[in-house]
Amino acid sequence: MQYKKLLPLMLFALVLVGGMHTSSRRVLAGPVTTAIIDFGKPGDVQSFTGTGVGSGSLIADGAGAALVVTGKVAEVQPFVMLPPVTHPVTVLNDTSSQGGTPGLGINTSPASIREAVPVVPPTDPPTKVNVSVTRFDFQDGNVSDIREFDVNFTNGTSVPFALSQVLVTTNSNNAVLKSVPIDVVGNVSNLKFDQTGAAAIVPSGVGTGSFSIPGELSLQLTSVKALIFELIGQNIALPKLNSQINLTGTYQLTGPKNDAKIELVGNPLVVPYIISTHSLLNLVFGEELVPLTVQGTIDVLTTMNLDFSYQLSASHIVVPEPGSIVLLAIGLLVCAAVSRVPRFPSD
C-alpha cells in the first residue's frame, strides 16, 4: 500500500517538527556538559564599577587630662567632652587630610574565588593548585545551570574611605583642646559573592538568556581607626558585613562549540550595609613635659548604600551540540531503520 512508502517521511517529519517546537519554547532536552569557569584569566575582560553613598552619626563622649600652663605655673588639668555628643557624618572617597568628596568609588577587575586542591595524579611530595569552583552546565547550546558561583569583586584591591571629620568641644583650659578633630578612616576590601541557592536560568535564544543567582554579598572594612588630631589612632574592630541578594543579568555564548566564550553582564544593584561599632578610647600620648590622656567611647552608626554593576567573561569553553541537530540525527536513523523493513506485496 502507498502509506507504507510514506511512513519513513512521516516519522522524519514528526521528529523534525517536534524538534522545532521544542526549540521555539527554548525547552532544553539535549545532553548536558559541565565546565569549570574561571573568571579572571589573562586575556578575559572583567570589570566592576561601584559607588558607596552613606550617612549617619558618630557619638563621641569621654574625658581626659592635659597640661595647662597659666603664667609660670604648669599643671595637668582634667577636661570633659561637651554636648552635643552626636555628630552627623558622611562617607568620603579619600582619607588624605579629609580632602575627599562624598561618595566612595570602586573600580576593580573581579576574579573567581579559587580553592587549593591536590594535583591529579598525586605527586611526591603532595602539591596543590588553586582552581575555580564555579561550574556551568551547558545544554542545547545554552546555559542550563550555574553552581558554586563564587566571585571576589574587589580581587585584592583595597579602596580607602573616610567619614567626614567631627569636631568635639571640651571644657579644657588648654586652647588646643577647645576643639578636638576626630576622623574615622579605613579600607573597603574583600567584596565577595557566595552562591547559596539554586540559580534560575531563562534562555531567550540560541546562546543567550538571563540568570538570577541567590547568595551572600560580604564586605570587609579593614584597618579602621579613629584619629585624634589626625595623628594618634585608636583601632576600631568591625565585623564582616553581609547582605543576602540576587545577582541578576544576562549571558551570551559566542564562538565555536569547542572554543566558546561566555559573557555575563550584571544588572545594576543597590545593596545597603549598616556600619555599627562601639569602641573604647584609651589614648596616652605626649612626653612628660606635655602629657595628654583621653578616655571615652566612640560609637558609629552609618548606613552605606553600595550601587554597582559588573561584567565577567571566560573563554575556551566546550559547549555541546544543539538539541535540534541531535533530533535530526535521530530522525535520519529512524528513516534508515524503517527503510530496511521487508516489504510484502499487497493482496
C-alpha atoms as a PDB file:
ATOM      1  CA  MET A   1       0.000   0.000   0.000  1.00  0.00           C
ATOM      2  CA  GLN A   2       1.103   3.596  -0.624  1.00  0.00           C
ATOM      3  CA  TYR A   3       1.073   4.667   3.054  1.00  0.00           C
ATOM      4  CA  LYS A   4       3.897   2.195   3.765  1.00  0.00           C
ATOM      5  CA  LYS A   5       6.125   4.027   1.338  1.00  0.00           C
ATOM      6  CA  LEU A   6       5.336   7.338   3.038  1.00  0.00           C
ATOM      7  CA  LEU A   7       5.933   6.011   6.581  1.00  0.00           C
ATOM      8  CA  PRO A   8       9.640   6.992   6.751  1.00  0.00           C
ATOM      9  CA  LEU A   9       8.904  10.543   5.645  1.00  0.00           C
ATOM     10  CA  MET A  10       6.029  10.830   8.118  1.00  0.00           C
ATOM     11  CA  LEU A  11       8.247   9.705  11.021  1.00  0.00           C
ATOM     12  CA  PHE A  12      11.009  12.082   9.963  1.00  0.00           C
ATOM     13  CA  ALA A  13       8.531  14.988   9.781  1.00  0.00           C
ATOM     14  CA  LEU A  14       7.183  14.219  13.243  1.00  0.00           C
ATOM     15  CA  VAL A  15      10.668  14.159  14.756  1.00  0.00           C
ATOM     16  CA  LEU A  16      11.690  17.354  12.953  1.00  0.00           C
ATOM     17  CA  VAL A  17       8.502  19.229  13.912  1.00  0.00           C
ATOM     18  CA  GLY A  18       8.922  18.086  17.499  1.00  0.00           C
ATOM     19  CA  GLY A  19      12.450  19.449  17.478  1.00  0.00           C
ATOM     20  CA  MET A  20      11.294  22.778  16.022  1.00  0.00           C
ATOM     21  CA  HIS A  21       8.526  23.033  18.617  1.00  0.00           C
ATOM     22  CA  THR A  22      10.971  22.330  21.447  1.00  0.00           C
ATOM     23  CA  SER A  23      13.375  24.912  20.075  1.00  0.00           C
ATOM     24  CA  SER A  24      10.709  27.634  19.890  1.00  0.00           C
ATOM     25  CA  ARG A  25       9.859  27.191  23.556  1.00  0.00           C
ATOM     26  CA  ARG A  26      13.564  27.027  24.475  1.00  0.00           C
ATOM     27  CA  VAL A  27      12.955  23.800  26.396  1.00  0.00           C
ATOM     28  CA  LEU A  28      16.350  22.189  26.839  1.00  0.00           C
ATOM     29  CA  ALA A  29      16.423  18.440  26.293  1.00  0.00           C
ATOM     30  CA  GLY A  30      19.833  17.592  24.864  1.00  0.00           C
ATOM     31  CA  PRO A  31      22.939  16.211  26.569  1.00  0.00           C
ATOM     32  CA  VAL A  32      24.410  18.211  29.466  1.00  0.00           C
ATOM     33  CA  THR A  33      28.068  19.229  29.568  1.00  0.00           C
ATOM     34  CA  THR A  34      29.669  20.728  32.672  1.00  0.00           C
ATOM     35  CA  ALA A  35      32.590  23.145  32.547  1.00  0.00           C
ATOM     36  CA  ILE A  36      34.596  24.801  35.319  1.00  0.00           C
ATOM     37  CA  ILE A  37      34.531  28.542  34.643  1.00  0.00           C
ATOM     38  CA  ASP A  38      37.476  30.622  35.822  1.00  0.00           C
ATOM     39  CA  PHE A  39      36.844  34.356  35.636  1.00  0.00           C
ATOM     40  CA  GLY A  40      39.961  36.462  35.803  1.00  0.00           C
ATOM     41  CA  LYS A  41      42.289  34.583  33.451  1.00  0.00           C
ATOM     42  CA  PRO A  42      44.694  36.622  31.277  1.00  0.00           C
ATOM     43  CA  GLY A  43      43.032  37.845  28.108  1.00  0.00           C
ATOM     44  CA  ASP A  44      39.492  37.841  29.512  1.00  0.00           C
ATOM     45  CA  VAL A  45      37.816  41.145  30.356  1.00  0.00           C
ATOM     46  CA  GLN A  46      36.356  41.646  33.845  1.00  0.00           C
ATOM     47  CA  SER A  47      35.006  44.855  35.318  1.00  0.00           C
ATOM     48  CA  PHE A  48      33.303  46.021  38.498  1.00  0.00           C
ATOM     49  CA  THR A  49      32.133  49.594  38.966  1.00  0.00           C
ATOM     50  CA  GLY A  50      30.531  50.705  42.189  1.00  0.00           C
ATOM     51  CA  THR A  51      29.790  53.739  44.319  1.00  0.00           C
ATOM     52  CA  GLY A  52      29.163  53.831  48.034  1.00  0.00           C
ATOM     53  CA  VAL A  53      26.997  56.650  49.355  1.00  0.00           C
ATOM     54  CA  GLY A  54      26.353  56.793  53.058  1.00  0.00           C
ATOM     55  CA  SER A  55      25.494  58.971  56.010  1.00  0.00           C
ATOM     56  CA  GLY A  56      24.882  58.512  59.690  1.00  0.00           C
ATOM     57  CA  SER A  57      26.189  59.640  63.031  1.00  0.00           C
ATOM     58  CA  LEU A  58      29.241  59.461  65.246  1.00  0.00           C
ATOM     59  CA  ILE A  59      28.864  59.709  69.011  1.00  0.00           C
ATOM     60  CA  ALA A  60      31.990  60.793  70.914  1.00  0.00           C
ATOM     61  CA  ASP A  61      31.851  61.012  74.695  1.00  0.00           C
ATOM     62  CA  GLY A  62      34.556  60.947  77.302  1.00  0.00           C
ATOM     63  CA  ALA A  63      37.080  62.836  79.358  1.00  0.00           C
ATOM     64  CA  GLY A  64      40.807  63.311  79.723  1.00  0.00           C
ATOM     65  CA  ALA A  65      43.616  65.322  81.195  1.00  0.00           C
ATOM     66  CA  ALA A  66      46.114  67.692  79.628  1.00  0.00           C
ATOM     67  CA  LEU A  67      48.860  70.069  80.626  1.00  0.00           C
ATOM     68  CA  VAL A  68      47.696  73.645  81.144  1.00  0.00           C
ATOM     69  CA  VAL A  69      50.188  76.495  81.547  1.00  0.00           C
ATOM     70  CA  THR A  70      48.999  79.569  83.430  1.00  0.00           C
ATOM     71  CA  GLY A  71      51.680  82.200  83.703  1.00  0.00           C
ATOM     72  CA  LYS A  72      54.659  80.397  85.133  1.00  0.00           C
ATOM     73  CA  VAL A  73      52.556  77.580  86.569  1.00  0.00           C
ATOM     74  CA  ALA A  74      52.100  74.349  84.612  1.00  0.00           C
ATOM     75  CA  GLU A  75      49.757  71.662  85.815  1.00  0.00           C
ATOM     76  CA  VAL A  76      47.751  68.752  84.427  1.00  0.00           C
ATOM     77  CA  GLN A  77      44.041  69.545  84.490  1.00  0.00           C
ATOM     78  CA  PRO A  78      41.082  67.280  83.687  1.00  0.00           C
ATOM     79  CA  PHE A  79      38.569  68.044  80.940  1.00  0.00           C
ATOM     80  CA  VAL A  80      35.325  66.547  79.585  1.00  0.00           C
ATOM     81  CA  MET A  81      33.731  66.438  76.136  1.00  0.00           C
ATOM     82  CA  LEU A  82      30.749  68.786  75.963  1.00  0.00           C
ATOM     83  CA  PRO A  83      27.347  68.304  74.315  1.00  0.00           C
ATOM     84  CA  PRO A  84      26.277  67.776  71.640  1.00  0.00           C
ATOM     85  CA  VAL A  85      27.972  64.378  71.645  1.00  0.00           C
ATOM     86  CA  THR A  86      26.180  63.192  68.475  1.00  0.00           C
ATOM     87  CA  HIS A  87      27.627  64.431  65.193  1.00  0.00           C
ATOM     88  CA  PRO A  88      26.436  63.806  61.588  1.00  0.00           C
ATOM     89  CA  VAL A  89      28.904  62.115  59.221  1.00  0.00           C
ATOM     90  CA  THR A  90      29.030  61.162  55.559  1.00  0.00           C
ATOM     91  CA  VAL A  91      31.150  58.606  53.672  1.00  0.00           C
ATOM     92  CA  LEU A  92      34.051  60.180  51.747  1.00  0.00           C
ATOM     93  CA  ASN A  93      36.216  58.730  48.996  1.00  0.00           C
ATOM     94  CA  ASP A  94      39.612  59.869  50.297  1.00  0.00           C
ATOM     95  CA  THR A  95      41.423  59.791  53.629  1.00  0.00           C
ATOM     96  CA  SER A  96      44.167  62.338  52.923  1.00  0.00           C
ATOM     97  CA  SER A  97      43.634  65.346  55.213  1.00  0.00           C
ATOM     98  CA  GLN A  98      39.865  64.951  54.748  1.00  0.00           C
ATOM     99  CA  GLY A  99      40.179  66.130  51.158  1.00  0.00           C
ATOM    100  CA  GLY A 100      37.664  63.629  49.841  1.00  0.00           C
ATOM    101  CA  THR A 101      34.238  64.218  48.392  1.00  0.00           C
ATOM    102  CA  PRO A 102      31.039  62.404  49.382  1.00  0.00           C
ATOM    103  CA  GLY A 103      30.687  59.015  47.746  1.00  0.00           C
ATOM    104  CA  LEU A 104      33.054  56.082  47.591  1.00  0.00           C
ATOM    105  CA  GLY A 105      34.291  54.916  44.175  1.00  0.00           C
ATOM    106  CA  ILE A 106      35.276  51.299  43.423  1.00  0.00           C
ATOM    107  CA  ASN A 107      36.699  50.188  40.061  1.00  0.00           C
ATOM    108  CA  THR A 108      38.256  46.717  40.007  1.00  0.00           C
ATOM    109  CA  SER A 109      38.817  43.580  37.917  1.00  0.00           C
ATOM    110  CA  PRO A 110      36.917  40.713  39.596  1.00  0.00           C
ATOM    111  CA  ALA A 111      38.067  37.096  39.636  1.00  0.00           C
ATOM    112  CA  SER A 112      36.718  33.706  40.614  1.00  0.00           C
ATOM    113  CA  ILE A 113      37.400  32.607  44.172  1.00  0.00           C
ATOM    114  CA  ARG A 114      39.844  29.731  43.921  1.00  0.00           C
ATOM    115  CA  GLU A 115      40.407  26.805  46.262  1.00  0.00           C
ATOM    116  CA  ALA A 116      43.552  24.749  46.803  1.00  0.00           C
ATOM    117  CA  VAL A 117      43.039  21.178  45.563  1.00  0.00           C
ATOM    118  CA  PRO A 118      45.541  18.280  45.258  1.00  0.00           C
ATOM    119  CA  VAL A 119      47.208  17.761  41.900  1.00  0.00           C
ATOM    120  CA  VAL A 120      45.919  14.749  39.932  1.00  0.00           C
ATOM    121  CA  PRO A 121      47.707  12.363  39.575  1.00  0.00           C
ATOM    122  CA  PRO A 122      49.222  12.792  43.065  1.00  0.00           C
ATOM    123  CA  THR A 123      52.810  13.943  43.329  1.00  0.00           C
ATOM    124  CA  ASP A 124      55.516  13.160  45.853  1.00  0.00           C
ATOM    125  CA  PRO A 125      55.610  15.288  47.910  1.00  0.00           C
ATOM    126  CA  PRO A 126      51.888  16.184  47.509  1.00  0.00           C
ATOM    127  CA  THR A 127      51.224  19.529  45.877  1.00  0.00           C
ATOM    128  CA  LYS A 128      48.108  21.645  45.455  1.00  0.00           C
ATOM    129  CA  VAL A 129      46.920  24.131  42.861  1.00  0.00           C
ATOM    130  CA  ASN A 130      44.379  26.931  43.153  1.00  0.00           C
ATOM    131  CA  VAL A 131      41.378  26.357  40.900  1.00  0.00           C
ATOM    132  CA  SER A 132      37.949  27.909  40.453  1.00  0.00           C
ATOM    133  CA  VAL A 133      34.960  26.055  41.914  1.00  0.00           C
ATOM    134  CA  THR A 134      32.324  27.715  39.701  1.00  0.00           C
ATOM    135  CA  ARG A 135      30.529  25.274  37.396  1.00  0.00           C
ATOM    136  CA  PHE A 136      28.318  25.985  34.401  1.00  0.00           C
ATOM    137  CA  ASP A 137      26.082  23.358  32.807  1.00  0.00           C
ATOM    138  CA  PHE A 138      25.505  23.698  29.048  1.00  0.00           C
ATOM    139  CA  GLN A 139      22.640  22.089  27.175  1.00  0.00           C
ATOM    140  CA  ASP A 140      21.436  22.584  23.595  1.00  0.00           C
ATOM    141  CA  GLY A 141      23.879  25.467  23.143  1.00  0.00           C
ATOM    142  CA  ASN A 142      22.608  27.333  26.213  1.00  0.00           C
ATOM    143  CA  VAL A 143      23.409  27.666  29.891  1.00  0.00           C
ATOM    144  CA  SER A 144      21.163  25.305  31.854  1.00  0.00           C
ATOM    145  CA  ASP A 145      22.553  25.749  35.384  1.00  0.00           C
ATOM    146  CA  ILE A 146      25.128  27.697  37.409  1.00  0.00           C
ATOM    147  CA  ARG A 147      26.607  26.228  40.575  1.00  0.00           C
ATOM    148  CA  GLU A 148      29.112  27.430  43.190  1.00  0.00           C
ATOM    149  CA  PHE A 149      29.266  30.886  41.643  1.00  0.00           C
ATOM    150  CA  ASP A 150      31.872  32.406  43.974  1.00  0.00           C
ATOM    151  CA  VAL A 151      33.476  35.686  42.874  1.00  0.00           C
ATOM    152  CA  ASN A 152      35.736  38.218  44.573  1.00  0.00           C
ATOM    153  CA  PHE A 153      34.643  41.543  43.101  1.00  0.00           C
ATOM    154  CA  THR A 154      37.488  43.583  44.622  1.00  0.00           C
ATOM    155  CA  ASN A 155      40.084  40.863  43.883  1.00  0.00           C
ATOM    156  CA  GLY A 156      42.838  42.099  46.196  1.00  0.00           C
ATOM    157  CA  THR A 157      42.120  45.803  45.702  1.00  0.00           C
ATOM    158  CA  SER A 158      41.645  47.927  48.824  1.00  0.00           C
ATOM    159  CA  VAL A 159      39.720  51.176  48.437  1.00  0.00           C
ATOM    160  CA  PRO A 160      40.339  53.865  51.098  1.00  0.00           C
ATOM    161  CA  PHE A 161      37.373  55.574  52.735  1.00  0.00           C
ATOM    162  CA  ALA A 162      36.767  58.091  55.490  1.00  0.00           C
ATOM    163  CA  LEU A 163      33.926  59.562  57.491  1.00  0.00           C
ATOM    164  CA  SER A 164      33.665  63.329  57.437  1.00  0.00           C
ATOM    165  CA  GLN A 165      35.632  64.972  60.217  1.00  0.00           C
ATOM    166  CA  VAL A 166      33.950  65.618  63.560  1.00  0.00           C
ATOM    167  CA  LEU A 167      34.955  68.470  65.865  1.00  0.00           C
ATOM    168  CA  VAL A 168      34.422  67.699  69.552  1.00  0.00           C
ATOM    169  CA  THR A 169      34.398  70.578  72.006  1.00  0.00           C
ATOM    170  CA  THR A 170      35.719  70.280  75.566  1.00  0.00           C
ATOM    171  CA  ASN A 171      35.881  72.447  78.680  1.00  0.00           C
ATOM    172  CA  SER A 172      39.682  72.279  78.821  1.00  0.00           C
ATOM    173  CA  ASN A 173      41.643  75.413  79.613  1.00  0.00           C
ATOM    174  CA  ASN A 174      44.161  74.297  77.021  1.00  0.00           C
ATOM    175  CA  ALA A 175      43.415  76.283  73.872  1.00  0.00           C
ATOM    176  CA  VAL A 176      44.409  73.376  71.615  1.00  0.00           C
ATOM    177  CA  LEU A 177      41.804  71.125  73.233  1.00  0.00           C
ATOM    178  CA  LYS A 178      38.875  73.515  72.915  1.00  0.00           C
ATOM    179  CA  SER A 179      38.006  71.821  69.630  1.00  0.00           C
ATOM    180  CA  VAL A 180      39.321  68.300  69.046  1.00  0.00           C
ATOM    181  CA  PRO A 181      39.130  66.854  65.496  1.00  0.00           C
ATOM    182  CA  ILE A 182      38.194  63.160  65.225  1.00  0.00           C
ATOM    183  CA  ASP A 183      38.429  61.219  61.975  1.00  0.00           C
ATOM    184  CA  VAL A 184      37.431  57.649  61.159  1.00  0.00           C
ATOM    185  CA  VAL A 185      39.385  56.130  58.254  1.00  0.00           C
ATOM    186  CA  GLY A 186      39.849  52.655  56.794  1.00  0.00           C
ATOM    187  CA  ASN A 187      39.737  50.487  53.678  1.00  0.00           C
ATOM    188  CA  VAL A 188      36.993  48.650  51.805  1.00  0.00           C
ATOM    189  CA  SER A 189      38.241  45.214  50.777  1.00  0.00           C
ATOM    190  CA  ASN A 190      37.145  41.635  50.097  1.00  0.00           C
ATOM    191  CA  LEU A 191      33.784  42.292  48.474  1.00  0.00           C
ATOM    192  CA  LYS A 192      32.815  38.668  47.792  1.00  0.00           C
ATOM    193  CA  PHE A 193      29.752  36.881  46.448  1.00  0.00           C
ATOM    194  CA  ASP A 194      28.995  33.314  47.547  1.00  0.00           C
ATOM    195  CA  GLN A 195      26.126  31.428  45.887  1.00  0.00           C
ATOM    196  CA  THR A 196      23.762  29.931  48.458  1.00  0.00           C
ATOM    197  CA  GLY A 197      20.853  28.541  46.401  1.00  0.00           C
ATOM    198  CA  ALA A 198      19.785  27.217  43.032  1.00  0.00           C
ATOM    199  CA  ALA A 199      20.197  29.565  40.071  1.00  0.00           C
ATOM    200  CA  ALA A 200      17.267  30.418  37.787  1.00  0.00           C
ATOM    201  CA  ILE A 201      18.240  30.329  34.097  1.00  0.00           C
ATOM    202  CA  VAL A 202      15.881  31.547  31.339  1.00  0.00           C
ATOM    203  CA  PRO A 203      17.154  31.015  27.740  1.00  0.00           C
ATOM    204  CA  SER A 204      15.922  33.628  25.279  1.00  0.00           C
ATOM    205  CA  GLY A 205      17.610  32.373  22.121  1.00  0.00           C
ATOM    206  CA  VAL A 206      20.492  30.225  20.974  1.00  0.00           C
ATOM    207  CA  GLY A 207      23.359  31.090  23.288  1.00  0.00           C
ATOM    208  CA  THR A 208      21.530  33.928  25.065  1.00  0.00           C
ATOM    209  CA  GLY A 209      19.391  34.282  28.148  1.00  0.00           C
ATOM    210  CA  SER A 210      19.090  35.693  31.649  1.00  0.00           C
ATOM    211  CA  PHE A 211      20.116  34.481  35.080  1.00  0.00           C
ATOM    212  CA  SER A 212      19.283  35.043  38.750  1.00  0.00           C
ATOM    213  CA  ILE A 213      21.678  33.687  41.389  1.00  0.00           C
ATOM    214  CA  PRO A 214      20.848  33.896  45.128  1.00  0.00           C
ATOM    215  CA  GLY A 215      23.743  34.375  47.501  1.00  0.00           C
ATOM    216  CA  GLU A 216      25.551  36.360  50.148  1.00  0.00           C
ATOM    217  CA  LEU A 217      27.496  39.511  49.324  1.00  0.00           C
ATOM    218  CA  SER A 218      30.031  40.117  52.081  1.00  0.00           C
ATOM    219  CA  LEU A 219      32.061  43.266  52.629  1.00  0.00           C
ATOM    220  CA  GLN A 220      35.095  43.696  54.890  1.00  0.00           C
ATOM    221  CA  LEU A 221      36.232  47.040  56.293  1.00  0.00           C
ATOM    222  CA  THR A 222      39.891  46.773  57.285  1.00  0.00           C
ATOM    223  CA  SER A 223      42.482  48.986  59.019  1.00  0.00           C
ATOM    224  CA  VAL A 224      39.706  51.118  60.523  1.00  0.00           C
ATOM    225  CA  LYS A 225      40.961  53.728  63.002  1.00  0.00           C
ATOM    226  CA  ALA A 226      39.698  56.721  64.934  1.00  0.00           C
ATOM    227  CA  LEU A 227      42.271  59.501  64.628  1.00  0.00           C
ATOM    228  CA  ILE A 228      42.667  62.298  67.177  1.00  0.00           C
ATOM    229  CA  PHE A 229      44.251  65.463  65.759  1.00  0.00           C
ATOM    230  CA  GLU A 230      44.747  63.435  62.527  1.00  0.00           C
ATOM    231  CA  LEU A 231      47.791  61.847  64.166  1.00  0.00           C
ATOM    232  CA  ILE A 232      47.080  59.455  67.024  1.00  0.00           C
ATOM    233  CA  GLY A 233      44.970  56.435  66.154  1.00  0.00           C
ATOM    234  CA  GLN A 234      42.739  54.020  68.000  1.00  0.00           C
ATOM    235  CA  ASN A 235      41.926  50.777  66.168  1.00  0.00           C
ATOM    236  CA  ILE A 236      38.240  50.027  65.594  1.00  0.00           C
ATOM    237  CA  ALA A 237      37.182  46.424  65.116  1.00  0.00           C
ATOM    238  CA  LEU A 238      34.342  45.866  62.658  1.00  0.00           C
ATOM    239  CA  PRO A 239      32.704  42.519  61.829  1.00  0.00           C
ATOM    240  CA  LYS A 240      32.277  41.360  58.248  1.00  0.00           C
ATOM    241  CA  LEU A 241      29.171  42.924  56.739  1.00  0.00           C
ATOM    242  CA  ASN A 242      26.779  40.533  54.977  1.00  0.00           C
ATOM    243  CA  SER A 243      23.758  41.040  52.755  1.00  0.00           C
ATOM    244  CA  GLN A 244      21.518  38.447  51.096  1.00  0.00           C
ATOM    245  CA  ILE A 245      20.941  39.368  47.444  1.00  0.00           C
ATOM    246  CA  ASN A 246      20.085  38.003  43.998  1.00  0.00           C
ATOM    247  CA  LEU A 247      22.631  38.660  41.274  1.00  0.00           C
ATOM    248  CA  THR A 248      20.720  39.105  38.029  1.00  0.00           C
ATOM    249  CA  GLY A 249      21.770  39.790  34.469  1.00  0.00           C
ATOM    250  CA  THR A 250      22.147  38.337  31.004  1.00  0.00           C
ATOM    251  CA  TYR A 251      24.538  35.851  29.436  1.00  0.00           C
ATOM    252  CA  GLN A 252      25.768  35.313  25.877  1.00  0.00           C
ATOM    253  CA  LEU A 253      27.666  32.408  24.341  1.00  0.00           C
ATOM    254  CA  THR A 254      29.732  33.112  21.223  1.00  0.00           C
ATOM    255  CA  GLY A 255      32.321  31.279  19.153  1.00  0.00           C
ATOM    256  CA  PRO A 256      32.672  27.678  18.028  1.00  0.00           C
ATOM    257  CA  LYS A 257      31.354  24.926  20.270  1.00  0.00           C
ATOM    258  CA  ASN A 258      34.826  23.623  21.112  1.00  0.00           C
ATOM    259  CA  ASP A 259      36.266  27.068  21.913  1.00  0.00           C
ATOM    260  CA  ALA A 260      33.361  29.202  23.054  1.00  0.00           C
ATOM    261  CA  LYS A 261      33.278  32.335  25.151  1.00  0.00           C
ATOM    262  CA  ILE A 262      30.729  33.270  27.779  1.00  0.00           C
ATOM    263  CA  GLU A 263      29.971  36.809  28.882  1.00  0.00           C
ATOM    264  CA  LEU A 264      27.872  37.815  31.877  1.00  0.00           C
ATOM    265  CA  VAL A 265      26.503  41.357  32.153  1.00  0.00           C
ATOM    266  CA  GLY A 266      25.053  42.063  35.575  1.00  0.00           C
ATOM    267  CA  ASN A 267      22.032  44.263  36.152  1.00  0.00           C
ATOM    268  CA  PRO A 268      22.740  47.323  38.354  1.00  0.00           C
ATOM    269  CA  LEU A 269      22.138  46.574  42.014  1.00  0.00           C
ATOM    270  CA  VAL A 270      21.932  48.624  45.220  1.00  0.00           C
ATOM    271  CA  VAL A 271      22.928  46.837  48.442  1.00  0.00           C
ATOM    272  CA  PRO A 272      22.569  48.564  51.839  1.00  0.00           C
ATOM    273  CA  TYR A 273      25.141  47.958  54.568  1.00  0.00           C
ATOM    274  CA  ILE A 274      24.816  49.119  58.183  1.00  0.00           C
ATOM    275  CA  ILE A 275      28.135  50.062  59.773  1.00  0.00           C
ATOM    276  CA  SER A 276      27.726  49.903  63.543  1.00  0.00           C
ATOM    277  CA  THR A 277      30.532  49.861  66.075  1.00  0.00           C
ATOM    278  CA  HIS A 278      31.220  50.669  69.722  1.00  0.00           C
ATOM    279  CA  SER A 279      34.844  51.377  70.616  1.00  0.00           C
ATOM    280  CA  LEU A 280      36.609  52.340  73.815  1.00  0.00           C
ATOM    281  CA  LEU A 281      39.107  55.193  73.692  1.00  0.00           C
ATOM    282  CA  ASN A 282      42.168  54.928  75.887  1.00  0.00           C
ATOM    283  CA  LEU A 283      44.824  57.194  74.451  1.00  0.00           C
ATOM    284  CA  VAL A 284      48.000  58.300  76.189  1.00  0.00           C
ATOM    285  CA  PHE A 285      50.410  60.388  74.185  1.00  0.00           C
ATOM    286  CA  GLY A 286      52.846  63.222  74.528  1.00  0.00           C
ATOM    287  CA  GLU A 287      56.021  63.433  76.555  1.00  0.00           C
ATOM    288  CA  GLU A 288      56.270  64.044  80.260  1.00  0.00           C
ATOM    289  CA  LEU A 289      56.540  67.781  79.619  1.00  0.00           C
ATOM    290  CA  VAL A 290      53.345  67.848  77.539  1.00  0.00           C
ATOM    291  CA  PRO A 291      51.170  64.936  78.710  1.00  0.00           C
ATOM    292  CA  LEU A 292      47.695  64.270  77.274  1.00  0.00           C
ATOM    293  CA  THR A 293      45.317  61.414  78.039  1.00  0.00           C
ATOM    294  CA  VAL A 294      41.881  60.725  76.599  1.00  0.00           C
ATOM    295  CA  GLN A 295      39.403  58.083  77.795  1.00  0.00           C
ATOM    296  CA  GLY A 296      35.939  57.632  76.430  1.00  0.00           C
ATOM    297  CA  THR A 297      33.845  55.950  73.753  1.00  0.00           C
ATOM    298  CA  ILE A 298      33.245  56.361  70.040  1.00  0.00           C
ATOM    299  CA  ASP A 299      30.073  54.920  68.527  1.00  0.00           C
ATOM    300  CA  VAL A 300      29.490  54.895  64.781  1.00  0.00           C
ATOM    301  CA  LEU A 301      26.123  54.154  63.184  1.00  0.00           C
ATOM    302  CA  THR A 302      26.166  54.715  59.441  1.00  0.00           C
ATOM    303  CA  THR A 303      24.243  53.261  56.505  1.00  0.00           C
ATOM    304  CA  MET A 304      26.151  52.890  53.256  1.00  0.00           C
ATOM    305  CA  ASN A 305      24.364  52.017  50.011  1.00  0.00           C
ATOM    306  CA  LEU A 306      26.618  50.210  47.554  1.00  0.00           C
ATOM    307  CA  ASP A 307      25.425  50.748  43.965  1.00  0.00           C
ATOM    308  CA  PHE A 308      27.304  48.607  41.458  1.00  0.00           C
ATOM    309  CA  SER A 309      27.348  46.862  38.084  1.00  0.00           C
ATOM    310  CA  TYR A 310      29.742  44.264  36.693  1.00  0.00           C
ATOM    311  CA  GLN A 311      30.791  42.302  33.629  1.00  0.00           C
ATOM    312  CA  LEU A 312      32.527  38.904  33.583  1.00  0.00           C
ATOM    313  CA  SER A 313      33.880  36.794  30.743  1.00  0.00           C
ATOM    314  CA  ALA A 314      35.594  33.450  30.266  1.00  0.00           C
ATOM    315  CA  SER A 315      36.915  31.857  27.075  1.00  0.00           C
ATOM    316  CA  HIS A 316      37.951  28.405  25.786  1.00  0.00           C
ATOM    317  CA  ILE A 317      34.738  26.637  26.858  1.00  0.00           C
ATOM    318  CA  VAL A 318      33.449  23.412  25.298  1.00  0.00           C
ATOM    319  CA  VAL A 319      29.698  23.579  24.591  1.00  0.00           C
ATOM    320  CA  PRO A 320      27.564  20.541  23.491  1.00  0.00           C
ATOM    321  CA  GLU A 321      25.746  20.259  20.187  1.00  0.00           C
ATOM    322  CA  PRO A 322      22.296  21.933  19.951  1.00  0.00           C
ATOM    323  CA  GLY A 323      19.401  19.555  20.579  1.00  0.00           C
ATOM    324  CA  SER A 324      17.866  20.196  17.135  1.00  0.00           C
ATOM    325  CA  ILE A 325      20.888  18.597  15.463  1.00  0.00           C
ATOM    326  CA  VAL A 326      20.575  15.609  17.790  1.00  0.00           C
ATOM    327  CA  LEU A 327      16.895  15.238  16.857  1.00  0.00           C
ATOM    328  CA  LEU A 328      17.785  15.471  13.179  1.00  0.00           C
ATOM    329  CA  ALA A 329      20.235  12.623  13.589  1.00  0.00           C
ATOM    330  CA  ILE A 330      17.580  10.549  15.366  1.00  0.00           C
ATOM    331  CA  GLY A 331      15.150  11.203  12.506  1.00  0.00           C
ATOM    332  CA  LEU A 332      17.669  10.041   9.928  1.00  0.00           C
ATOM    333  CA  LEU A 333      18.346   6.870  11.927  1.00  0.00           C
ATOM    334  CA  VAL A 334      14.603   6.132  12.150  1.00  0.00           C
ATOM    335  CA  CYS A 335      14.238   6.604   8.399  1.00  0.00           C
ATOM    336  CA  ALA A 336      17.126   4.259   7.732  1.00  0.00           C
ATOM    337  CA  ALA A 337      15.709   1.618  10.059  1.00  0.00           C
ATOM    338  CA  VAL A 338      12.228   1.770   8.555  1.00  0.00           C
ATOM    339  CA  SER A 339      13.580   1.614   5.019  1.00  0.00           C
ATOM    340  CA  ARG A 340      15.163  -1.723   5.861  1.00  0.00           C
ATOM    341  CA  VAL A 341      11.843  -3.357   6.931  1.00  0.00           C
ATOM    342  CA  PRO A 342      10.930  -6.092   4.396  1.00  0.00           C
ATOM    343  CA  ARG A 343       8.038  -5.139   2.171  1.00  0.00           C
ATOM    344  CA  PHE A 344       5.390  -7.708   1.182  1.00  0.00           C
ATOM    345  CA  PRO A 345       3.201  -7.401  -1.884  1.00  0.00           C
ATOM    346  CA  SER A 346      -0.334  -6.367  -1.168  1.00  0.00           C
ATOM    347  CA  ASP A 347      -3.240  -8.693  -1.938  1.00  0.00           C
END
